[in-house]
């Protein structure tokens, strides 16, 4: 099987598009502690993505939703 055929048979990687911030930045924007941000992630109130390097980033859409809920 040549390389082109293999590439055509596998689904193309689609990264999640959207603005994101670090855990620390999310804490500052929401005036919360980092620990509380992690709690909000765990209970589903903040959504995150993982970078290719493995770090966790908070999606700005979810930060803005939480800010609007106050």
PDB file of N, CA and C in Angstrom:
ATOM      1  N   UNK A   1       0.857  -1.185   0.000  1.00  0.00           N
ATOM      2  CA  UNK A   1       0.000   0.000   0.000  1.00  0.00           C
ATOM      3  C   UNK A   1       0.896   1.238   0.000  1.00  0.00           C
ATOM      4  N   UNK A   2       0.680   2.130  -0.938  1.00  0.00           N
ATOM      5  CA  UNK A   2       1.535   3.315  -0.962  1.00  0.00           C
ATOM      6  C   UNK A   2       1.048   4.359   0.047  1.00  0.00           C
ATOM      7  N   UNK A   3       1.869   5.343   0.294  1.00  0.00           N
ATOM      8  CA  UNK A   3       1.575   6.348   1.321  1.00  0.00           C
ATOM      9  C   UNK A   3       0.305   7.122   0.998  1.00  0.00           C
ATOM     10  N   UNK A   4       0.113   7.479  -0.240  1.00  0.00           N
ATOM     11  CA  UNK A   4      -1.067   8.254  -0.617  1.00  0.00           C
ATOM     12  C   UNK A   4      -2.352   7.474  -0.337  1.00  0.00           C
ATOM     13  N   UNK A   5      -2.377   6.185  -0.661  1.00  0.00           N
ATOM     14  CA  UNK A   5      -3.567   5.369  -0.415  1.00  0.00           C
ATOM     15  C   UNK A   5      -3.859   5.279   1.073  1.00  0.00           C
ATOM     16  N   UNK A   6      -2.828   5.092   1.899  1.00  0.00           N
ATOM     17  CA  UNK A   6      -3.017   5.020   3.342  1.00  0.00           C
ATOM     18  C   UNK A   6      -3.581   6.330   3.881  1.00  0.00           C
ATOM     19  N   UNK A   7      -3.040   7.445   3.417  1.00  0.00           N
ATOM     20  CA  UNK A   7      -3.515   8.752   3.876  1.00  0.00           C
ATOM     21  C   UNK A   7      -4.973   8.981   3.481  1.00  0.00           C
ATOM     22  N   UNK A   8      -5.368   8.492   2.313  1.00  0.00           N
ATOM     23  CA  UNK A   8      -6.742   8.674   1.863  1.00  0.00           C
ATOM     24  C   UNK A   8      -7.725   7.813   2.656  1.00  0.00           C
ATOM     25  N   UNK A   9      -7.255   6.700   3.203  1.00  0.00           N
ATOM     26  CA  UNK A   9      -8.169   5.796   3.888  1.00  0.00           C
ATOM     27  C   UNK A   9      -8.398   6.172   5.360  1.00  0.00           C
ATOM     28  N   UNK A  10      -7.525   7.006   5.928  1.00  0.00           N
ATOM     29  CA  UNK A  10      -7.677   7.396   7.325  1.00  0.00           C
ATOM     30  C   UNK A  10      -8.377   8.740   7.407  1.00  0.00           C
ATOM     31  N   UNK A  11      -9.235   8.916   8.411  1.00  0.00           N
ATOM     32  CA  UNK A  11      -9.894  10.225   8.555  1.00  0.00           C
ATOM     33  C   UNK A  11      -8.857  11.294   8.874  1.00  0.00           C
ATOM     34  N   UNK A  12      -9.049  12.467   8.306  1.00  0.00           N
ATOM     35  CA  UNK A  12      -8.113  13.564   8.526  1.00  0.00           C
ATOM     36  C   UNK A  12      -8.306  14.125   9.924  1.00  0.00           C
ATOM     37  N   UNK A  13      -7.199  14.442  10.598  1.00  0.00           N
ATOM     38  CA  UNK A  13      -7.257  15.038  11.930  1.00  0.00           C
ATOM     39  C   UNK A  13      -7.861  16.425  11.836  1.00  0.00           C
ATOM     40  N   UNK A  14      -8.872  16.686  12.640  1.00  0.00           N
ATOM     41  CA  UNK A  14      -9.519  17.995  12.674  1.00  0.00           C
ATOM     42  C   UNK A  14      -9.352  18.589  14.068  1.00  0.00           C
ATOM     43  N   UNK A  15      -8.441  19.531  14.237  1.00  0.00           N
ATOM     44  CA  UNK A  15      -8.271  20.128  15.558  1.00  0.00           C
ATOM     45  C   UNK A  15      -9.494  20.953  15.939  1.00  0.00           C
ATOM     46  N   UNK A  16      -9.711  21.065  17.235  1.00  0.00           N
ATOM     47  CA  UNK A  16     -10.822  21.882  17.721  1.00  0.00           C
ATOM     48  C   UNK A  16     -10.472  23.344  17.507  1.00  0.00           C
ATOM     49  N   UNK A  17     -11.352  24.055  16.830  1.00  0.00           N
ATOM     50  CA  UNK A  17     -11.110  25.467  16.559  1.00  0.00           C
ATOM     51  C   UNK A  17     -11.808  26.282  17.630  1.00  0.00           C
ATOM     52  N   UNK A  18     -11.108  27.223  18.162  1.00  0.00           N
ATOM     53  CA  UNK A  18     -11.698  28.090  19.170  1.00  0.00           C
ATOM     54  C   UNK A  18     -10.626  28.707  20.031  1.00  0.00           C
ATOM     55  N   UNK A  19     -10.964  29.781  20.649  1.00  0.00           N
ATOM     56  CA  UNK A  19     -10.000  30.441  21.514  1.00  0.00           C
ATOM     57  C   UNK A  19      -9.940  29.714  22.843  1.00  0.00           C
ATOM     58  N   UNK A  20      -8.768  29.645  23.408  1.00  0.00           N
ATOM     59  CA  UNK A  20      -8.616  28.995  24.701  1.00  0.00           C
ATOM     60  C   UNK A  20      -7.595  29.756  25.531  1.00  0.00           C
ATOM     61  N   UNK A  21      -7.662  29.549  26.835  1.00  0.00           N
ATOM     62  CA  UNK A  21      -6.742  30.190  27.771  1.00  0.00           C
ATOM     63  C   UNK A  21      -6.209  29.141  28.731  1.00  0.00           C
ATOM     64  N   UNK A  22      -5.115  29.474  29.385  1.00  0.00           N
ATOM     65  CA  UNK A  22      -4.549  28.567  30.383  1.00  0.00           C
ATOM     66  C   UNK A  22      -5.465  28.492  31.604  1.00  0.00           C
ATOM     67  N   UNK A  23      -5.214  27.521  32.451  1.00  0.00           N
ATOM     68  CA  UNK A  23      -5.976  27.388  33.696  1.00  0.00           C
ATOM     69  C   UNK A  23      -5.825  28.660  34.523  1.00  0.00           C
ATOM     70  N   UNK A  24      -4.598  29.154  34.618  1.00  0.00           N
ATOM     71  CA  UNK A  24      -4.311  30.374  35.386  1.00  0.00           C
ATOM     72  C   UNK A  24      -5.079  31.573  34.832  1.00  0.00           C
ATOM     73  N   UNK A  25      -5.080  31.732  33.509  1.00  0.00           N
ATOM     74  CA  UNK A  25      -5.808  32.845  32.889  1.00  0.00           C
ATOM     75  C   UNK A  25      -7.303  32.719  33.122  1.00  0.00           C
ATOM     76  N   UNK A  26      -7.838  31.506  33.029  1.00  0.00           N
ATOM     77  CA  UNK A  26      -9.266  31.299  33.293  1.00  0.00           C
ATOM     78  C   UNK A  26      -9.600  31.684  34.732  1.00  0.00           C
ATOM     79  N   UNK A  27      -8.722  31.321  35.662  1.00  0.00           N
ATOM     80  CA  UNK A  27      -8.941  31.673  37.074  1.00  0.00           C
ATOM     81  C   UNK A  27      -8.985  33.184  37.241  1.00  0.00           C
ATOM     82  N   UNK A  28      -8.078  33.887  36.590  1.00  0.00           N
ATOM     83  CA  UNK A  28      -8.058  35.346  36.688  1.00  0.00           C
ATOM     84  C   UNK A  28      -9.300  35.966  36.066  1.00  0.00           C
ATOM     85  N   UNK A  29      -9.697  35.483  34.896  1.00  0.00           N
ATOM     86  CA  UNK A  29     -10.879  36.030  34.226  1.00  0.00           C
ATOM     87  C   UNK A  29     -12.154  35.816  35.035  1.00  0.00           C
ATOM     88  N   UNK A  30     -12.217  34.678  35.729  1.00  0.00           N
ATOM     89  CA  UNK A  30     -13.422  34.342  36.492  1.00  0.00           C
ATOM     90  C   UNK A  30     -13.320  34.747  37.960  1.00  0.00           C
ATOM     91  N   UNK A  31     -12.197  35.351  38.342  1.00  0.00           N
ATOM     92  CA  UNK A  31     -11.899  35.692  39.736  1.00  0.00           C
ATOM     93  C   UNK A  31     -12.146  34.500  40.665  1.00  0.00           C
ATOM     94  N   UNK A  32     -11.541  33.379  40.274  1.00  0.00           N
ATOM     95  CA  UNK A  32     -11.614  32.142  41.041  1.00  0.00           C
ATOM     96  C   UNK A  32     -10.193  31.657  41.309  1.00  0.00           C
ATOM     97  N   UNK A  33     -10.055  30.744  42.237  1.00  0.00           N
ATOM     98  CA  UNK A  33      -8.758  30.104  42.437  1.00  0.00           C
ATOM     99  C   UNK A  33      -8.556  29.054  41.348  1.00  0.00           C
ATOM    100  N   UNK A  34      -7.295  28.660  41.155  1.00  0.00           N
ATOM    101  CA  UNK A  34      -7.004  27.601  40.182  1.00  0.00           C
ATOM    102  C   UNK A  34      -7.730  26.319  40.578  1.00  0.00           C
ATOM    103  N   UNK A  35      -7.759  26.014  41.862  1.00  0.00           N
ATOM    104  CA  UNK A  35      -8.435  24.804  42.336  1.00  0.00           C
ATOM    105  C   UNK A  35      -9.918  24.824  41.964  1.00  0.00           C
ATOM    106  N   UNK A  36     -10.562  25.980  42.127  1.00  0.00           N
ATOM    107  CA  UNK A  36     -11.981  26.084  41.774  1.00  0.00           C
ATOM    108  C   UNK A  36     -12.181  25.904  40.274  1.00  0.00           C
ATOM    109  N   UNK A  37     -11.252  26.413  39.470  1.00  0.00           N
ATOM    110  CA  UNK A  37     -11.337  26.198  38.016  1.00  0.00           C
ATOM    111  C   UNK A  37     -11.296  24.702  37.722  1.00  0.00           C
ATOM    112  N   UNK A  38     -10.378  23.979  38.383  1.00  0.00           N
ATOM    113  CA  UNK A  38     -10.316  22.526  38.179  1.00  0.00           C
ATOM    114  C   UNK A  38     -11.619  21.848  38.616  1.00  0.00           C
ATOM    115  N   UNK A  39     -12.219  22.310  39.702  1.00  0.00           N
ATOM    116  CA  UNK A  39     -13.513  21.760  40.129  1.00  0.00           C
ATOM    117  C   UNK A  39     -14.588  22.017  39.067  1.00  0.00           C
ATOM    118  N   UNK A  40     -14.596  23.232  38.505  1.00  0.00           N
ATOM    119  CA  UNK A  40     -15.585  23.565  37.461  1.00  0.00           C
ATOM    120  C   UNK A  40     -15.368  22.705  36.212  1.00  0.00           C
ATOM    121  N   UNK A  41     -14.117  22.397  35.898  1.00  0.00           N
ATOM    122  CA  UNK A  41     -13.825  21.511  34.762  1.00  0.00           C
ATOM    123  C   UNK A  41     -14.358  20.118  35.068  1.00  0.00           C
ATOM    124  N   UNK A  42     -14.076  19.637  36.270  1.00  0.00           N
ATOM    125  CA  UNK A  42     -14.490  18.284  36.636  1.00  0.00           C
ATOM    126  C   UNK A  42     -16.011  18.129  36.633  1.00  0.00           C
ATOM    127  N   UNK A  43     -16.738  19.166  37.099  1.00  0.00           N
ATOM    128  CA  UNK A  43     -18.201  19.035  37.130  1.00  0.00           C
ATOM    129  C   UNK A  43     -18.865  19.464  35.817  1.00  0.00           C
ATOM    130  N   UNK A  44     -18.045  19.786  34.801  1.00  0.00           N
ATOM    131  CA  UNK A  44     -18.589  20.029  33.466  1.00  0.00           C
ATOM    132  C   UNK A  44     -18.989  21.457  33.174  1.00  0.00           C
ATOM    133  N   UNK A  45     -18.760  22.374  34.088  1.00  0.00           N
ATOM    134  CA  UNK A  45     -19.153  23.762  33.846  1.00  0.00           C
ATOM    135  C   UNK A  45     -18.151  24.528  32.995  1.00  0.00           C
ATOM    136  N   UNK A  46     -16.917  24.040  32.916  1.00  0.00           N
ATOM    137  CA  UNK A  46     -15.913  24.599  32.013  1.00  0.00           C
ATOM    138  C   UNK A  46     -15.426  23.486  31.102  1.00  0.00           C
ATOM    139  N   UNK A  47     -15.311  23.789  29.804  1.00  0.00           N
ATOM    140  CA  UNK A  47     -14.843  22.814  28.827  1.00  0.00           C
ATOM    141  C   UNK A  47     -13.381  23.090  28.492  1.00  0.00           C
ATOM    142  N   UNK A  48     -12.642  22.025  28.273  1.00  0.00           N
ATOM    143  CA  UNK A  48     -11.220  22.164  27.976  1.00  0.00           C
ATOM    144  C   UNK A  48     -10.826  21.379  26.742  1.00  0.00           C
ATOM    145  N   UNK A  49      -9.639  21.677  26.265  1.00  0.00           N
ATOM    146  CA  UNK A  49      -8.995  20.889  25.220  1.00  0.00           C
ATOM    147  C   UNK A  49      -7.589  20.577  25.695  1.00  0.00           C
ATOM    148  N   UNK A  50      -6.996  19.566  25.103  1.00  0.00           N
ATOM    149  CA  UNK A  50      -5.593  19.233  25.376  1.00  0.00           C
ATOM    150  C   UNK A  50      -4.771  19.667  24.168  1.00  0.00           C
ATOM    151  N   UNK A  51      -3.651  20.307  24.425  1.00  0.00           N
ATOM    152  CA  UNK A  51      -2.756  20.681  23.338  1.00  0.00           C
ATOM    153  C   UNK A  51      -1.972  19.453  22.909  1.00  0.00           C
ATOM    154  N   UNK A  52      -1.288  19.551  21.786  1.00  0.00           N
ATOM    155  CA  UNK A  52      -0.459  18.441  21.336  1.00  0.00           C
ATOM    156  C   UNK A  52       0.632  18.136  22.358  1.00  0.00           C
ATOM    157  N   UNK A  53       1.053  19.134  23.111  1.00  0.00           N
ATOM    158  CA  UNK A  53       2.054  18.941  24.153  1.00  0.00           C
ATOM    159  C   UNK A  53       1.490  18.350  25.431  1.00  0.00           C
ATOM    160  N   UNK A  54       0.159  18.228  25.517  1.00  0.00           N
ATOM    161  CA  UNK A  54      -0.480  17.596  26.666  1.00  0.00           C
ATOM    162  C   UNK A  54      -1.032  18.541  27.715  1.00  0.00           C
ATOM    163  N   UNK A  55      -0.831  19.854  27.541  1.00  0.00           N
ATOM    164  CA  UNK A  55      -1.377  20.766  28.548  1.00  0.00           C
ATOM    165  C   UNK A  55      -2.873  20.969  28.324  1.00  0.00           C
ATOM    166  N   UNK A  56      -3.554  21.309  29.392  1.00  0.00           N
ATOM    167  CA  UNK A  56      -4.999  21.502  29.354  1.00  0.00           C
ATOM    168  C   UNK A  56      -5.292  22.995  29.251  1.00  0.00           C
ATOM    169  N   UNK A  57      -6.178  23.356  28.321  1.00  0.00           N
ATOM    170  CA  UNK A  57      -6.569  24.748  28.143  1.00  0.00           C
ATOM    171  C   UNK A  57      -8.081  24.854  28.202  1.00  0.00           C
ATOM    172  N   UNK A  58      -8.557  25.945  28.759  1.00  0.00           N
ATOM    173  CA  UNK A  58      -9.993  26.172  28.937  1.00  0.00           C
ATOM    174  C   UNK A  58     -10.513  26.937  27.727  1.00  0.00           C
ATOM    175  N   UNK A  59     -11.603  26.453  27.151  1.00  0.00           N
ATOM    176  CA  UNK A  59     -12.209  27.125  25.998  1.00  0.00           C
ATOM    177  C   UNK A  59     -12.859  28.429  26.446  1.00  0.00           C
ATOM    178  N   UNK A  60     -12.553  29.507  25.724  1.00  0.00           N
ATOM    179  CA  UNK A  60     -13.091  30.820  26.077  1.00  0.00           C
ATOM    180  C   UNK A  60     -14.614  30.844  26.018  1.00  0.00           C
ATOM    181  N   UNK A  61     -15.209  30.076  25.129  1.00  0.00           N
ATOM    182  CA  UNK A  61     -16.681  30.029  25.074  1.00  0.00           C
ATOM    183  C   UNK A  61     -17.256  29.634  26.428  1.00  0.00           C
ATOM    184  N   UNK A  62     -16.641  28.643  27.076  1.00  0.00           N
ATOM    185  CA  UNK A  62     -17.176  28.201  28.356  1.00  0.00           C
ATOM    186  C   UNK A  62     -16.874  29.217  29.450  1.00  0.00           C
ATOM    187  N   UNK A  63     -15.739  29.914  29.357  1.00  0.00           N
ATOM    188  CA  UNK A  63     -15.439  30.981  30.324  1.00  0.00           C
ATOM    189  C   UNK A  63     -16.479  32.087  30.194  1.00  0.00           C
ATOM    190  N   UNK A  64     -16.763  32.484  28.951  1.00  0.00           N
ATOM    191  CA  UNK A  64     -17.745  33.534  28.728  1.00  0.00           C
ATOM    192  C   UNK A  64     -19.132  33.120  29.183  1.00  0.00           C
ATOM    193  N   UNK A  65     -19.498  31.861  28.975  1.00  0.00           N
ATOM    194  CA  UNK A  65     -20.793  31.368  29.447  1.00  0.00           C
ATOM    195  C   UNK A  65     -20.868  31.454  30.969  1.00  0.00           C
ATOM    196  N   UNK A  66     -19.795  31.068  31.649  1.00  0.00           N
ATOM    197  CA  UNK A  66     -19.787  31.104  33.103  1.00  0.00           C
ATOM    198  C   UNK A  66     -19.838  32.546  33.610  1.00  0.00           C
ATOM    199  N   UNK A  67     -19.127  33.449  32.938  1.00  0.00           N
ATOM    200  CA  UNK A  67     -19.166  34.855  33.340  1.00  0.00           C
ATOM    201  C   UNK A  67     -20.568  35.429  33.176  1.00  0.00           C
ATOM    202  N   UNK A  68     -21.271  35.004  32.124  1.00  0.00           N
ATOM    203  CA  UNK A  68     -22.630  35.477  31.897  1.00  0.00           C
ATOM    204  C   UNK A  68     -23.635  34.912  32.886  1.00  0.00           C
ATOM    205  N   UNK A  69     -23.297  33.792  33.494  1.00  0.00           N
ATOM    206  CA  UNK A  69     -24.211  33.132  34.437  1.00  0.00           C
ATOM    207  C   UNK A  69     -24.177  33.771  35.819  1.00  0.00           C
ATOM    208  N   UNK A  70     -23.168  34.618  36.096  1.00  0.00           N
ATOM    209  CA  UNK A  70     -23.063  35.239  37.428  1.00  0.00           C
ATOM    210  C   UNK A  70     -24.120  36.262  37.644  1.00  0.00           C
TER     211      UNK A  70
END
